[in-house]
Amino acid sequence: MLKWTIIFIIIAIIAGVLGFGGVAGTSAGIAKILFFVFIVLFILSLVKGGFKR
């Protein structure tokens, strides 16, 4: 999932440099959503791993 976040961030940066506002905004939005999903899953896996021990 982190891979997809990085891909969408790169697409947003390239689109922003080239002046494609709609594409850059959409890609940045998707990257933000995936980033927060990744953070939540990471925290859940840390909590789950802590309770296993």
PDB file of N, CA and C in Angstrom:
ATOM      1  N   MET A   1       0.830  -1.187   0.000  1.00  0.00           N
ATOM      2  CA  MET A   1       0.000   0.000   0.000  1.00  0.00           C
ATOM      3  C   MET A   1       0.876   1.254   0.000  1.00  0.00           C
ATOM      4  N   LEU A   2       1.993   1.205   0.692  1.00  0.00           N
ATOM      5  CA  LEU A   2       2.907   2.348   0.708  1.00  0.00           C
ATOM      6  C   LEU A   2       3.440   2.608  -0.700  1.00  0.00           C
ATOM      7  N   LYS A   3       3.604   1.534  -1.472  1.00  0.00           N
ATOM      8  CA  LYS A   3       4.075   1.662  -2.856  1.00  0.00           C
ATOM      9  C   LYS A   3       3.091   2.501  -3.675  1.00  0.00           C
ATOM     10  N   TRP A   4       1.791   2.258  -3.505  1.00  0.00           N
ATOM     11  CA  TRP A   4       0.778   3.019  -4.239  1.00  0.00           C
ATOM     12  C   TRP A   4       0.776   4.479  -3.815  1.00  0.00           C
ATOM     13  N   THR A   5       0.988   4.728  -2.529  1.00  0.00           N
ATOM     14  CA  THR A   5       1.043   6.099  -2.045  1.00  0.00           C
ATOM     15  C   THR A   5       2.180   6.853  -2.705  1.00  0.00           C
ATOM     16  N   ILE A   6       3.341   6.227  -2.759  1.00  0.00           N
ATOM     17  CA  ILE A   6       4.507   6.861  -3.386  1.00  0.00           C
ATOM     18  C   ILE A   6       4.263   7.092  -4.870  1.00  0.00           C
ATOM     19  N   ILE A   7       3.647   6.131  -5.547  1.00  0.00           N
ATOM     20  CA  ILE A   7       3.353   6.283  -6.982  1.00  0.00           C
ATOM     21  C   ILE A   7       2.431   7.478  -7.214  1.00  0.00           C
ATOM     22  N   PHE A   8       1.363   7.612  -6.410  1.00  0.00           N
ATOM     23  CA  PHE A   8       0.434   8.721  -6.601  1.00  0.00           C
ATOM     24  C   PHE A   8       1.066  10.064  -6.231  1.00  0.00           C
ATOM     25  N   ILE A   9       1.965  10.078  -5.241  1.00  0.00           N
ATOM     26  CA  ILE A   9       2.666  11.319  -4.912  1.00  0.00           C
ATOM     27  C   ILE A   9       3.550  11.744  -6.074  1.00  0.00           C
ATOM     28  N   ILE A  10       4.248  10.799  -6.683  1.00  0.00           N
ATOM     29  CA  ILE A  10       5.112  11.118  -7.835  1.00  0.00           C
ATOM     30  C   ILE A  10       4.276  11.620  -9.005  1.00  0.00           C
ATOM     31  N   ILE A  11       3.135  10.966  -9.265  1.00  0.00           N
ATOM     32  CA  ILE A  11       2.248  11.419 -10.342  1.00  0.00           C
ATOM     33  C   ILE A  11       1.759  12.837 -10.065  1.00  0.00           C
ATOM     34  N   ALA A  12       1.405  13.114  -8.805  1.00  0.00           N
ATOM     35  CA  ALA A  12       0.930  14.455  -8.450  1.00  0.00           C
ATOM     36  C   ALA A  12       2.018  15.507  -8.643  1.00  0.00           C
ATOM     37  N   ILE A  13       3.244  15.174  -8.266  1.00  0.00           N
ATOM     38  CA  ILE A  13       4.353  16.126  -8.428  1.00  0.00           C
ATOM     39  C   ILE A  13       4.620  16.395  -9.899  1.00  0.00           C
ATOM     40  N   ILE A  14       4.664  15.335 -10.699  1.00  0.00           N
ATOM     41  CA  ILE A  14       4.908  15.505 -12.142  1.00  0.00           C
ATOM     42  C   ILE A  14       3.781  16.296 -12.792  1.00  0.00           C
ATOM     43  N   ALA A  15       2.536  15.964 -12.447  1.00  0.00           N
ATOM     44  CA  ALA A  15       1.386  16.676 -13.014  1.00  0.00           C
ATOM     45  C   ALA A  15       1.383  18.140 -12.570  1.00  0.00           C
ATOM     46  N   GLY A  16       1.776  18.391 -11.330  1.00  0.00           N
ATOM     47  CA  GLY A  16       1.846  19.768 -10.844  1.00  0.00           C
ATOM     48  C   GLY A  16       2.896  20.582 -11.575  1.00  0.00           C
ATOM     49  N   VAL A  17       4.051  19.975 -11.846  1.00  0.00           N
ATOM     50  CA  VAL A  17       5.117  20.668 -12.577  1.00  0.00           C
ATOM     51  C   VAL A  17       4.688  20.958 -14.009  1.00  0.00           C
ATOM     52  N   LEU A  18       3.989  20.016 -14.618  1.00  0.00           N
ATOM     53  CA  LEU A  18       3.569  20.193 -16.009  1.00  0.00           C
ATOM     54  C   LEU A  18       2.306  21.035 -16.143  1.00  0.00           C
ATOM     55  N   GLY A  19       1.646  21.333 -15.041  1.00  0.00           N
ATOM     56  CA  GLY A  19       0.492  22.219 -15.079  1.00  0.00           C
ATOM     57  C   GLY A  19      -0.849  21.535 -15.230  1.00  0.00           C
ATOM     58  N   PHE A  20      -0.927  20.245 -14.966  1.00  0.00           N
ATOM     59  CA  PHE A  20      -2.205  19.540 -15.040  1.00  0.00           C
ATOM     60  C   PHE A  20      -2.854  19.586 -13.664  1.00  0.00           C
ATOM     61  N   GLY A  21      -3.576  20.645 -13.371  1.00  0.00           N
ATOM     62  CA  GLY A  21      -4.128  20.886 -12.038  1.00  0.00           C
ATOM     63  C   GLY A  21      -5.070  19.812 -11.558  1.00  0.00           C
ATOM     64  N   GLY A  22      -6.002  19.380 -12.415  1.00  0.00           N
ATOM     65  CA  GLY A  22      -6.979  18.374 -11.999  1.00  0.00           C
ATOM     66  C   GLY A  22      -6.343  17.043 -11.683  1.00  0.00           C
ATOM     67  N   VAL A  23      -5.407  16.624 -12.524  1.00  0.00           N
ATOM     68  CA  VAL A  23      -4.723  15.346 -12.318  1.00  0.00           C
ATOM     69  C   VAL A  23      -3.868  15.401 -11.057  1.00  0.00           C
ATOM     70  N   ALA A  24      -3.197  16.529 -10.849  1.00  0.00           N
ATOM     71  CA  ALA A  24      -2.335  16.676  -9.672  1.00  0.00           C
ATOM     72  C   ALA A  24      -3.179  16.641  -8.399  1.00  0.00           C
ATOM     73  N   GLY A  25      -4.304  17.328  -8.418  1.00  0.00           N
ATOM     74  CA  GLY A  25      -5.168  17.349  -7.242  1.00  0.00           C
ATOM     75  C   GLY A  25      -5.745  15.990  -6.925  1.00  0.00           C
ATOM     76  N   THR A  26      -6.181  15.288  -7.958  1.00  0.00           N
ATOM     77  CA  THR A  26      -6.739  13.953  -7.768  1.00  0.00           C
ATOM     78  C   THR A  26      -5.692  12.990  -7.250  1.00  0.00           C
ATOM     79  N   SER A  27      -4.502  13.021  -7.841  1.00  0.00           N
ATOM     80  CA  SER A  27      -3.430  12.125  -7.415  1.00  0.00           C
ATOM     81  C   SER A  27      -2.994  12.437  -5.989  1.00  0.00           C
ATOM     82  N   ALA A  28      -2.931  13.694  -5.654  1.00  0.00           N
ATOM     83  CA  ALA A  28      -2.550  14.075  -4.292  1.00  0.00           C
ATOM     84  C   ALA A  28      -3.612  13.618  -3.294  1.00  0.00           C
ATOM     85  N   GLY A  29      -4.874  13.730  -3.666  1.00  0.00           N
ATOM     86  CA  GLY A  29      -5.954  13.267  -2.790  1.00  0.00           C
ATOM     87  C   GLY A  29      -5.895  11.771  -2.552  1.00  0.00           C
ATOM     88  N   ILE A  30      -5.678  11.019  -3.614  1.00  0.00           N
ATOM     89  CA  ILE A  30      -5.574   9.558  -3.483  1.00  0.00           C
ATOM     90  C   ILE A  30      -4.366   9.194  -2.631  1.00  0.00           C
ATOM     91  N   ALA A  31      -3.242   9.896  -2.846  1.00  0.00           N
ATOM     92  CA  ALA A  31      -2.034   9.619  -2.068  1.00  0.00           C
ATOM     93  C   ALA A  31      -2.267   9.899  -0.587  1.00  0.00           C
ATOM     94  N   LYS A  32      -2.996  10.966  -0.268  1.00  0.00           N
ATOM     95  CA  LYS A  32      -3.283  11.284   1.138  1.00  0.00           C
ATOM     96  C   LYS A  32      -4.141  10.197   1.772  1.00  0.00           C
ATOM     97  N   ILE A  33      -5.169   9.758   1.058  1.00  0.00           N
ATOM     98  CA  ILE A  33      -6.052   8.714   1.586  1.00  0.00           C
ATOM     99  C   ILE A  33      -5.266   7.430   1.833  1.00  0.00           C
ATOM    100  N   LEU A  34      -4.464   7.022   0.856  1.00  0.00           N
ATOM    101  CA  LEU A  34      -3.686   5.797   1.011  1.00  0.00           C
ATOM    102  C   LEU A  34      -2.671   5.925   2.138  1.00  0.00           C
ATOM    103  N   PHE A  35      -2.091   7.117   2.301  1.00  0.00           N
ATOM    104  CA  PHE A  35      -1.132   7.333   3.370  1.00  0.00           C
ATOM    105  C   PHE A  35      -1.783   7.141   4.731  1.00  0.00           C
ATOM    106  N   PHE A  36      -2.967   7.723   4.928  1.00  0.00           N
ATOM    107  CA  PHE A  36      -3.639   7.596   6.218  1.00  0.00           C
ATOM    108  C   PHE A  36      -4.116   6.165   6.465  1.00  0.00           C
ATOM    109  N   VAL A  37      -4.553   5.473   5.423  1.00  0.00           N
ATOM    110  CA  VAL A  37      -4.932   4.064   5.571  1.00  0.00           C
ATOM    111  C   VAL A  37      -3.712   3.253   5.983  1.00  0.00           C
ATOM    112  N   PHE A  38      -2.566   3.520   5.358  1.00  0.00           N
ATOM    113  CA  PHE A  38      -1.333   2.819   5.687  1.00  0.00           C
ATOM    114  C   PHE A  38      -0.934   3.072   7.142  1.00  0.00           C
ATOM    115  N   ILE A  39      -1.048   4.322   7.599  1.00  0.00           N
ATOM    116  CA  ILE A  39      -0.693   4.649   8.980  1.00  0.00           C
ATOM    117  C   ILE A  39      -1.611   3.919   9.964  1.00  0.00           C
ATOM    118  N   VAL A  40      -2.903   3.884   9.692  1.00  0.00           N
ATOM    119  CA  VAL A  40      -3.851   3.194  10.572  1.00  0.00           C
ATOM    120  C   VAL A  40      -3.539   1.701  10.630  1.00  0.00           C
ATOM    121  N   LEU A  41      -3.289   1.087   9.475  1.00  0.00           N
ATOM    122  CA  LEU A  41      -2.959  -0.342   9.458  1.00  0.00           C
ATOM    123  C   LEU A  41      -1.648  -0.619  10.189  1.00  0.00           C
ATOM    124  N   PHE A  42      -0.685   0.282  10.063  1.00  0.00           N
ATOM    125  CA  PHE A  42       0.593   0.132  10.747  1.00  0.00           C
ATOM    126  C   PHE A  42       0.396   0.180  12.266  1.00  0.00           C
ATOM    127  N   ILE A  43      -0.389   1.141  12.726  1.00  0.00           N
ATOM    128  CA  ILE A  43      -0.644   1.265  14.168  1.00  0.00           C
ATOM    129  C   ILE A  43      -1.397   0.039  14.682  1.00  0.00           C
ATOM    130  N   LEU A  44      -2.377  -0.424  13.915  1.00  0.00           N
ATOM    131  CA  LEU A  44      -3.118  -1.626  14.327  1.00  0.00           C
ATOM    132  C   LEU A  44      -2.208  -2.849  14.410  1.00  0.00           C
ATOM    133  N   SER A  45      -1.286  -2.984  13.473  1.00  0.00           N
ATOM    134  CA  SER A  45      -0.375  -4.124  13.516  1.00  0.00           C
ATOM    135  C   SER A  45       0.591  -4.021  14.692  1.00  0.00           C
ATOM    136  N   LEU A  46       0.994  -2.792  15.064  1.00  0.00           N
ATOM    137  CA  LEU A  46       1.845  -2.623  16.244  1.00  0.00           C
ATOM    138  C   LEU A  46       1.093  -3.006  17.515  1.00  0.00           C
ATOM    139  N   VAL A  47      -0.164  -2.583  17.615  1.00  0.00           N
ATOM    140  CA  VAL A  47      -0.969  -2.904  18.794  1.00  0.00           C
ATOM    141  C   VAL A  47      -1.214  -4.407  18.871  1.00  0.00           C
ATOM    142  N   LYS A  48      -1.542  -5.009  17.759  1.00  0.00           N
ATOM    143  CA  LYS A  48      -1.797  -6.453  17.730  1.00  0.00           C
ATOM    144  C   LYS A  48      -0.538  -7.227  18.099  1.00  0.00           C
ATOM    145  N   GLY A  49       0.607  -6.793  17.594  1.00  0.00           N
ATOM    146  CA  GLY A  49       1.864  -7.452  17.924  1.00  0.00           C
ATOM    147  C   GLY A  49       2.232  -7.287  19.393  1.00  0.00           C
ATOM    148  N   GLY A  50       1.883  -6.156  19.981  1.00  0.00           N
ATOM    149  CA  GLY A  50       2.165  -5.930  21.389  1.00  0.00           C
ATOM    150  C   GLY A  50       1.344  -6.805  22.300  1.00  0.00           C
ATOM    151  N   PHE A  51       0.100  -7.109  21.900  1.00  0.00           N
ATOM    152  CA  PHE A  51      -0.758  -7.941  22.737  1.00  0.00           C
ATOM    153  C   PHE A  51      -0.432  -9.433  22.592  1.00  0.00           C
ATOM    154  N   LYS A  52       0.231  -9.816  21.502  1.00  0.00           N
ATOM    155  CA  LYS A  52       0.580 -11.217  21.315  1.00  0.00           C
ATOM    156  C   LYS A  52       1.604 -11.661  22.348  1.00  0.00           C
ATOM    157  N   ARG A  53       2.495 -10.768  22.718  1.00  0.00           N
ATOM    158  CA  ARG A  53       3.554 -11.123  23.660  1.00  0.00           C
ATOM    159  C   ARG A  53       2.968 -11.084  25.024  1.00  0.00           C
TER     160      ARG A  53
END
